[in-house]
Amino acid sequence: MSKLGAARWALKRLPSRWKRVIESAIKTYKGIGDRKDRTILKRDARKFLGFASIRMIAFDIALDSRRQKTAYLRKSRTGAGR
């Protein structure tokens, strides 16, 4: 997925609180950002990064949790072929 594709995905699926910072990032990436967009990015980009990092970590933990619950299935498959 491209950067612009990821930004469009984020605009549709993330809380509206992040809409301005994502839109400012898109405009800046395209080279059409103005002073207002740069101000928004300076003020909110770090907060958005924190939000996104926490969401990724939570997803990773949840994924690992599901893997642990089905680990016995993977072990039986690998053991059956030996």
PDB file of N, CA and C in Angstrom:
ATOM      1  N   MET A   1       0.850  -1.177   0.000  1.00  0.00           N
ATOM      2  CA  MET A   1       0.000   0.000   0.000  1.00  0.00           C
ATOM      3  C   MET A   1       0.896   1.241   0.000  1.00  0.00           C
ATOM      4  N   SER A   2       0.518   2.216  -0.795  1.00  0.00           N
ATOM      5  CA  SER A   2       1.283   3.459  -0.875  1.00  0.00           C
ATOM      6  C   SER A   2       1.012   4.337   0.352  1.00  0.00           C
ATOM      7  N   LYS A   3       1.824   5.356   0.504  1.00  0.00           N
ATOM      8  CA  LYS A   3       1.614   6.297   1.615  1.00  0.00           C
ATOM      9  C   LYS A   3       0.262   6.990   1.493  1.00  0.00           C
ATOM     10  N   LEU A   4      -0.078   7.409   0.280  1.00  0.00           N
ATOM     11  CA  LEU A   4      -1.368   8.065   0.094  1.00  0.00           C
ATOM     12  C   LEU A   4      -2.515   7.083   0.313  1.00  0.00           C
ATOM     13  N   GLY A   5      -2.332   5.852  -0.111  1.00  0.00           N
ATOM     14  CA  GLY A   5      -3.346   4.827   0.130  1.00  0.00           C
ATOM     15  C   GLY A   5      -3.536   4.575   1.612  1.00  0.00           C
ATOM     16  N   ALA A   6      -2.441   4.533   2.341  1.00  0.00           N
ATOM     17  CA  ALA A   6      -2.517   4.336   3.790  1.00  0.00           C
ATOM     18  C   ALA A   6      -3.218   5.517   4.458  1.00  0.00           C
ATOM     19  N   ALA A   7      -2.945   6.713   3.976  1.00  0.00           N
ATOM     20  CA  ALA A   7      -3.591   7.902   4.543  1.00  0.00           C
ATOM     21  C   ALA A   7      -5.096   7.888   4.259  1.00  0.00           C
ATOM     22  N   ARG A   8      -5.469   7.477   3.064  1.00  0.00           N
ATOM     23  CA  ARG A   8      -6.901   7.390   2.738  1.00  0.00           C
ATOM     24  C   ARG A   8      -7.588   6.336   3.602  1.00  0.00           C
ATOM     25  N   TRP A   9      -6.907   5.222   3.799  1.00  0.00           N
ATOM     26  CA  TRP A   9      -7.430   4.170   4.680  1.00  0.00           C
ATOM     27  C   TRP A   9      -7.636   4.730   6.090  1.00  0.00           C
ATOM     28  N   ALA A  10      -6.636   5.445   6.574  1.00  0.00           N
ATOM     29  CA  ALA A  10      -6.704   6.011   7.929  1.00  0.00           C
ATOM     30  C   ALA A  10      -7.850   7.016   8.060  1.00  0.00           C
ATOM     31  N   LEU A  11      -8.058   7.831   7.044  1.00  0.00           N
ATOM     32  CA  LEU A  11      -9.156   8.806   7.095  1.00  0.00           C
ATOM     33  C   LEU A  11     -10.510   8.120   7.235  1.00  0.00           C
ATOM     34  N   LYS A  12     -10.666   6.968   6.617  1.00  0.00           N
ATOM     35  CA  LYS A  12     -11.943   6.250   6.673  1.00  0.00           C
ATOM     36  C   LYS A  12     -12.136   5.483   7.973  1.00  0.00           C
ATOM     37  N   ARG A  13     -11.040   5.029   8.588  1.00  0.00           N
ATOM     38  CA  ARG A  13     -11.183   4.068   9.677  1.00  0.00           C
ATOM     39  C   ARG A  13     -10.752   4.541  11.058  1.00  0.00           C
ATOM     40  N   LEU A  14      -9.950   5.575  11.124  1.00  0.00           N
ATOM     41  CA  LEU A  14      -9.485   6.039  12.428  1.00  0.00           C
ATOM     42  C   LEU A  14     -10.438   7.097  12.976  1.00  0.00           C
ATOM     43  N   PRO A  15     -10.378   7.326  14.284  1.00  0.00           N
ATOM     44  CA  PRO A  15     -11.258   8.343  14.876  1.00  0.00           C
ATOM     45  C   PRO A  15     -11.094   9.700  14.196  1.00  0.00           C
ATOM     46  N   SER A  16     -12.197  10.436  14.100  1.00  0.00           N
ATOM     47  CA  SER A  16     -12.201  11.733  13.409  1.00  0.00           C
ATOM     48  C   SER A  16     -11.252  12.742  14.056  1.00  0.00           C
ATOM     49  N   ARG A  17     -10.877  12.485  15.281  1.00  0.00           N
ATOM     50  CA  ARG A  17      -9.922  13.356  15.979  1.00  0.00           C
ATOM     51  C   ARG A  17      -8.639  13.550  15.169  1.00  0.00           C
ATOM     52  N   TRP A  18      -8.271  12.543  14.361  1.00  0.00           N
ATOM     53  CA  TRP A  18      -7.003  12.563  13.632  1.00  0.00           C
ATOM     54  C   TRP A  18      -7.151  13.060  12.194  1.00  0.00           C
ATOM     55  N   LYS A  19      -8.346  13.435  11.801  1.00  0.00           N
ATOM     56  CA  LYS A  19      -8.591  13.835  10.416  1.00  0.00           C
ATOM     57  C   LYS A  19      -7.709  15.010   9.979  1.00  0.00           C
ATOM     58  N   ARG A  20      -7.633  16.046  10.804  1.00  0.00           N
ATOM     59  CA  ARG A  20      -6.848  17.234  10.408  1.00  0.00           C
ATOM     60  C   ARG A  20      -5.372  16.919  10.219  1.00  0.00           C
ATOM     61  N   VAL A  21      -4.813  16.125  11.117  1.00  0.00           N
ATOM     62  CA  VAL A  21      -3.384  15.842  11.001  1.00  0.00           C
ATOM     63  C   VAL A  21      -3.111  14.950   9.784  1.00  0.00           C
ATOM     64  N   ILE A  22      -4.011  14.024   9.497  1.00  0.00           N
ATOM     65  CA  ILE A  22      -3.829  13.165   8.324  1.00  0.00           C
ATOM     66  C   ILE A  22      -3.978  13.982   7.048  1.00  0.00           C
ATOM     67  N   GLU A  23      -4.990  14.822   6.988  1.00  0.00           N
ATOM     68  CA  GLU A  23      -5.180  15.678   5.810  1.00  0.00           C
ATOM     69  C   GLU A  23      -4.003  16.630   5.614  1.00  0.00           C
ATOM     70  N   SER A  24      -3.472  17.173   6.697  1.00  0.00           N
ATOM     71  CA  SER A  24      -2.305  18.057   6.592  1.00  0.00           C
ATOM     72  C   SER A  24      -1.086  17.285   6.107  1.00  0.00           C
ATOM     73  N   ALA A  25      -0.944  16.058   6.560  1.00  0.00           N
ATOM     74  CA  ALA A  25       0.175  15.227   6.103  1.00  0.00           C
ATOM     75  C   ALA A  25       0.046  14.927   4.609  1.00  0.00           C
ATOM     76  N   ILE A  26      -1.155  14.648   4.152  1.00  0.00           N
ATOM     77  CA  ILE A  26      -1.384  14.385   2.725  1.00  0.00           C
ATOM     78  C   ILE A  26      -1.009  15.614   1.901  1.00  0.00           C
ATOM     79  N   LYS A  27      -1.514  16.767   2.307  1.00  0.00           N
ATOM     80  CA  LYS A  27      -1.234  17.996   1.565  1.00  0.00           C
ATOM     81  C   LYS A  27       0.261  18.304   1.545  1.00  0.00           C
ATOM     82  N   THR A  28       0.914  18.111   2.677  1.00  0.00           N
ATOM     83  CA  THR A  28       2.352  18.367   2.746  1.00  0.00           C
ATOM     84  C   THR A  28       3.110  17.384   1.875  1.00  0.00           C
ATOM     85  N   TYR A  29       2.715  16.124   1.890  1.00  0.00           N
ATOM     86  CA  TYR A  29       3.347  15.094   1.062  1.00  0.00           C
ATOM     87  C   TYR A  29       3.210  15.433  -0.422  1.00  0.00           C
ATOM     88  N   LYS A  30       2.038  15.960  -0.803  1.00  0.00           N
ATOM     89  CA  LYS A  30       1.802  16.329  -2.196  1.00  0.00           C
ATOM     90  C   LYS A  30       2.478  17.645  -2.578  1.00  0.00           C
ATOM     91  N   GLY A  31       3.039  18.348  -1.578  1.00  0.00           N
ATOM     92  CA  GLY A  31       3.717  19.609  -1.851  1.00  0.00           C
ATOM     93  C   GLY A  31       2.791  20.805  -1.906  1.00  0.00           C
ATOM     94  N   ILE A  32       1.571  20.651  -1.391  1.00  0.00           N
ATOM     95  CA  ILE A  32       0.619  21.769  -1.423  1.00  0.00           C
ATOM     96  C   ILE A  32       0.226  22.232  -0.014  1.00  0.00           C
ATOM     97  N   GLY A  33       0.966  21.758   0.975  1.00  0.00           N
ATOM     98  CA  GLY A  33       0.687  22.168   2.350  1.00  0.00           C
ATOM     99  C   GLY A  33       1.051  23.625   2.570  1.00  0.00           C
ATOM    100  N   ASP A  34       0.315  24.264   3.438  1.00  0.00           N
ATOM    101  CA  ASP A  34       0.603  25.660   3.745  1.00  0.00           C
ATOM    102  C   ASP A  34       1.052  25.789   5.208  1.00  0.00           C
ATOM    103  N   ARG A  35       1.153  27.026   5.664  1.00  0.00           N
ATOM    104  CA  ARG A  35       1.608  27.293   7.029  1.00  0.00           C
ATOM    105  C   ARG A  35       0.690  26.624   8.059  1.00  0.00           C
ATOM    106  N   LYS A  36      -0.615  26.670   7.805  1.00  0.00           N
ATOM    107  CA  LYS A  36      -1.576  26.042   8.720  1.00  0.00           C
ATOM    108  C   LYS A  36      -1.326  24.532   8.827  1.00  0.00           C
ATOM    109  N   ASP A  37      -1.065  23.886   7.687  1.00  0.00           N
ATOM    110  CA  ASP A  37      -0.792  22.442   7.703  1.00  0.00           C
ATOM    111  C   ASP A  37       0.491  22.131   8.481  1.00  0.00           C
ATOM    112  N   ARG A  38       1.506  22.930   8.286  1.00  0.00           N
ATOM    113  CA  ARG A  38       2.755  22.708   9.025  1.00  0.00           C
ATOM    114  C   ARG A  38       2.548  22.901  10.525  1.00  0.00           C
ATOM    115  N   THR A  39       1.733  23.888  10.886  1.00  0.00           N
ATOM    116  CA  THR A  39       1.430  24.119  12.303  1.00  0.00           C
ATOM    117  C   THR A  39       0.701  22.920  12.895  1.00  0.00           C
ATOM    118  N   ILE A  40      -0.281  22.401  12.173  1.00  0.00           N
ATOM    119  CA  ILE A  40      -1.025  21.228  12.646  1.00  0.00           C
ATOM    120  C   ILE A  40      -0.085  20.045  12.818  1.00  0.00           C
ATOM    121  N   LEU A  41       0.793  19.830  11.845  1.00  0.00           N
ATOM    122  CA  LEU A  41       1.724  18.704  11.939  1.00  0.00           C
ATOM    123  C   LEU A  41       2.691  18.861  13.110  1.00  0.00           C
ATOM    124  N   LYS A  42       3.204  20.062  13.297  1.00  0.00           N
ATOM    125  CA  LYS A  42       4.120  20.289  14.432  1.00  0.00           C
ATOM    126  C   LYS A  42       3.422  20.043  15.757  1.00  0.00           C
ATOM    127  N   ARG A  43       2.163  20.427  15.833  1.00  0.00           N
ATOM    128  CA  ARG A  43       1.419  20.303  17.077  1.00  0.00           C
ATOM    129  C   ARG A  43       0.925  18.882  17.326  1.00  0.00           C
ATOM    130  N   ASP A  44       0.471  18.181  16.276  1.00  0.00           N
ATOM    131  CA  ASP A  44      -0.265  16.931  16.480  1.00  0.00           C
ATOM    132  C   ASP A  44       0.393  15.660  15.955  1.00  0.00           C
ATOM    133  N   ALA A  45       1.413  15.764  15.132  1.00  0.00           N
ATOM    134  CA  ALA A  45       1.995  14.558  14.531  1.00  0.00           C
ATOM    135  C   ALA A  45       2.550  13.609  15.596  1.00  0.00           C
ATOM    136  N   ARG A  46       3.199  14.143  16.600  1.00  0.00           N
ATOM    137  CA  ARG A  46       3.759  13.291  17.657  1.00  0.00           C
ATOM    138  C   ARG A  46       2.653  12.582  18.448  1.00  0.00           C
ATOM    139  N   LYS A  47       1.554  13.281  18.691  1.00  0.00           N
ATOM    140  CA  LYS A  47       0.413  12.670  19.385  1.00  0.00           C
ATOM    141  C   LYS A  47      -0.181  11.549  18.529  1.00  0.00           C
ATOM    142  N   PHE A  48      -0.296  11.814  17.225  1.00  0.00           N
ATOM    143  CA  PHE A  48      -0.833  10.796  16.329  1.00  0.00           C
ATOM    144  C   PHE A  48       0.078   9.572  16.291  1.00  0.00           C
ATOM    145  N   LEU A  49       1.369   9.794  16.243  1.00  0.00           N
ATOM    146  CA  LEU A  49       2.321   8.680  16.250  1.00  0.00           C
ATOM    147  C   LEU A  49       2.169   7.851  17.519  1.00  0.00           C
ATOM    148  N   GLY A  50       1.989   8.510  18.658  1.00  0.00           N
ATOM    149  CA  GLY A  50       1.761   7.791  19.910  1.00  0.00           C
ATOM    150  C   GLY A  50       0.494   6.954  19.854  1.00  0.00           C
ATOM    151  N   PHE A  51      -0.586   7.543  19.335  1.00  0.00           N
ATOM    152  CA  PHE A  51      -1.843   6.826  19.181  1.00  0.00           C
ATOM    153  C   PHE A  51      -1.667   5.601  18.289  1.00  0.00           C
ATOM    154  N   ALA A  52      -1.036   5.800  17.132  1.00  0.00           N
ATOM    155  CA  ALA A  52      -0.859   4.701  16.181  1.00  0.00           C
ATOM    156  C   ALA A  52       0.044   3.608  16.760  1.00  0.00           C
ATOM    157  N   SER A  53       1.080   4.000  17.469  1.00  0.00           N
ATOM    158  CA  SER A  53       1.993   3.013  18.071  1.00  0.00           C
ATOM    159  C   SER A  53       1.267   2.142  19.087  1.00  0.00           C
ATOM    160  N   ILE A  54       0.453   2.768  19.916  1.00  0.00           N
ATOM    161  CA  ILE A  54      -0.298   2.005  20.917  1.00  0.00           C
ATOM    162  C   ILE A  54      -1.268   1.050  20.243  1.00  0.00           C
ATOM    163  N   ARG A  55      -1.936   1.502  19.179  1.00  0.00           N
ATOM    164  CA  ARG A  55      -2.873   0.631  18.455  1.00  0.00           C
ATOM    165  C   ARG A  55      -2.145  -0.564  17.852  1.00  0.00           C
ATOM    166  N   MET A  56      -0.950  -0.337  17.287  1.00  0.00           N
ATOM    167  CA  MET A  56      -0.188  -1.438  16.687  1.00  0.00           C
ATOM    168  C   MET A  56       0.271  -2.427  17.743  1.00  0.00           C
ATOM    169  N   ILE A  57       0.730  -1.919  18.881  1.00  0.00           N
ATOM    170  CA  ILE A  57       1.170  -2.797  19.967  1.00  0.00           C
ATOM    171  C   ILE A  57      -0.008  -3.615  20.481  1.00  0.00           C
ATOM    172  N   ALA A  58      -1.160  -2.982  20.659  1.00  0.00           N
ATOM    173  CA  ALA A  58      -2.351  -3.700  21.128  1.00  0.00           C
ATOM    174  C   ALA A  58      -2.756  -4.778  20.131  1.00  0.00           C
ATOM    175  N   PHE A  59      -2.706  -4.464  18.837  1.00  0.00           N
ATOM    176  CA  PHE A  59      -3.032  -5.452  17.810  1.00  0.00           C
ATOM    177  C   PHE A  59      -2.056  -6.619  17.867  1.00  0.00           C
ATOM    178  N   ASP A  60      -0.778  -6.315  18.011  1.00  0.00           N
ATOM    179  CA  ASP A  60       0.248  -7.349  18.073  1.00  0.00           C
ATOM    180  C   ASP A  60       0.041  -8.258  19.288  1.00  0.00           C
ATOM    181  N   ILE A  61      -0.286  -7.682  20.423  1.00  0.00           N
ATOM    182  CA  ILE A  61      -0.546  -8.466  21.635  1.00  0.00           C
ATOM    183  C   ILE A  61      -1.766  -9.360  21.433  1.00  0.00           C
ATOM    184  N   ALA A  62      -2.816  -8.811  20.849  1.00  0.00           N
ATOM    185  CA  ALA A  62      -4.026  -9.597  20.604  1.00  0.00           C
ATOM    186  C   ALA A  62      -3.738 -10.727  19.626  1.00  0.00           C
ATOM    187  N   LEU A  63      -2.949 -10.464  18.608  1.00  0.00           N
ATOM    188  CA  LEU A  63      -2.596 -11.489  17.635  1.00  0.00           C
ATOM    189  C   LEU A  63      -1.786 -12.595  18.300  1.00  0.00           C
ATOM    190  N   ASP A  64      -0.815 -12.220  19.126  1.00  0.00           N
ATOM    191  CA  ASP A  64      -0.025 -13.222  19.849  1.00  0.00           C
ATOM    192  C   ASP A  64      -0.910 -14.048  20.770  1.00  0.00           C
ATOM    193  N   SER A  65      -1.879 -13.412  21.405  1.00  0.00           N
ATOM    194  CA  SER A  65      -2.789 -14.111  22.299  1.00  0.00           C
ATOM    195  C   SER A  65      -3.579 -15.167  21.527  1.00  0.00           C
ATOM    196  N   ARG A  66      -4.069 -14.809  20.348  1.00  0.00           N
ATOM    197  CA  ARG A  66      -4.810 -15.782  19.535  1.00  0.00           C
ATOM    198  C   ARG A  66      -3.896 -16.909  19.087  1.00  0.00           C
ATOM    199  N   ARG A  67      -2.648 -16.593  18.773  1.00  0.00           N
ATOM    200  CA  ARG A  67      -1.703 -17.635  18.343  1.00  0.00           C
ATOM    201  C   ARG A  67      -1.447 -18.619  19.467  1.00  0.00           C
ATOM    202  N   GLN A  68      -1.353 -18.106  20.696  1.00  0.00           N
ATOM    203  CA  GLN A  68      -1.100 -18.998  21.829  1.00  0.00           C
ATOM    204  C   GLN A  68      -2.272 -19.944  22.050  1.00  0.00           C
ATOM    205  N   LYS A  69      -3.488 -19.464  21.821  1.00  0.00           N
ATOM    206  CA  LYS A  69      -4.667 -20.303  22.027  1.00  0.00           C
ATOM    207  C   LYS A  69      -4.764 -21.417  20.993  1.00  0.00           C
ATOM    208  N   THR A  70      -4.117 -21.233  19.836  1.00  0.00           N
ATOM    209  CA  THR A  70      -4.165 -22.253  18.788  1.00  0.00           C
ATOM    210  C   THR A  70      -2.806 -22.895  18.552  1.00  0.00           C
ATOM    211  N   ALA A  71      -1.870 -22.639  19.440  1.00  0.00           N
ATOM    212  CA  ALA A  71      -0.521 -23.179  19.255  1.00  0.00           C
ATOM    213  C   ALA A  71      -0.529 -24.703  19.199  1.00  0.00           C
ATOM    214  N   TYR A  72      -1.394 -25.334  19.967  1.00  0.00           N
ATOM    215  CA  TYR A  72      -1.435 -26.797  19.976  1.00  0.00           C
ATOM    216  C   TYR A  72      -1.820 -27.343  18.598  1.00  0.00           C
ATOM    217  N   LEU A  73      -2.591 -26.596  17.841  1.00  0.00           N
ATOM    218  CA  LEU A  73      -2.955 -27.047  16.495  1.00  0.00           C
ATOM    219  C   LEU A  73      -1.748 -27.031  15.568  1.00  0.00           C
ATOM    220  N   ARG A  74      -0.936 -26.002  15.670  1.00  0.00           N
ATOM    221  CA  ARG A  74       0.259 -25.919  14.834  1.00  0.00           C
ATOM    222  C   ARG A  74       1.253 -26.998  15.219  1.00  0.00           C
ATOM    223  N   LYS A  75       1.381 -27.258  16.500  1.00  0.00           N
ATOM    224  CA  LYS A  75       2.327 -28.282  16.945  1.00  0.00           C
ATOM    225  C   LYS A  75       1.920 -29.650  16.431  1.00  0.00           C
ATOM    226  N   SER A  76       0.634 -29.951  16.449  1.00  0.00           N
ATOM    227  CA  SER A  76       0.196 -31.270  15.993  1.00  0.00           C
ATOM    228  C   SER A  76       0.415 -31.430  14.487  1.00  0.00           C
ATOM    229  N   ARG A  77       0.276 -30.338  13.732  1.00  0.00           N
ATOM    230  CA  ARG A  77       0.518 -30.422  12.284  1.00  0.00           C
ATOM    231  C   ARG A  77       1.972 -30.685  11.979  1.00  0.00           C
ATOM    232  N   THR A  78       2.856 -29.961  12.687  1.00  0.00           N
ATOM    233  CA  THR A  78       4.277 -30.134  12.392  1.00  0.00           C
ATOM    234  C   THR A  78       4.767 -31.497  12.881  1.00  0.00           C
ATOM    235  N   GLY A  79       4.203 -31.983  13.954  1.00  0.00           N
ATOM    236  CA  GLY A  79       4.610 -33.267  14.471  1.00  0.00           C
ATOM    237  C   GLY A  79       4.090 -34.424  13.642  1.00  0.00           C
ATOM    238  N   ALA A  80       2.976 -34.239  12.968  1.00  0.00           N
ATOM    239  CA  ALA A  80       2.359 -35.323  12.183  1.00  0.00           C
ATOM    240  C   ALA A  80       3.158 -35.654  10.945  1.00  0.00           C
ATOM    241  N   GLY A  81       3.871 -34.680  10.413  1.00  0.00           N
ATOM    242  CA  GLY A  81       4.614 -34.917   9.169  1.00  0.00           C
ATOM    243  C   GLY A  81       5.967 -35.550   9.381  1.00  0.00           C
ATOM    244  N   ARG A  82       6.380 -35.757  10.598  1.00  0.00           N
ATOM    245  CA  ARG A  82       7.726 -36.296  10.859  1.00  0.00           C
ATOM    246  C   ARG A  82       7.757 -37.777  10.832  1.00  0.00           C
TER     247      ARG A  82
END
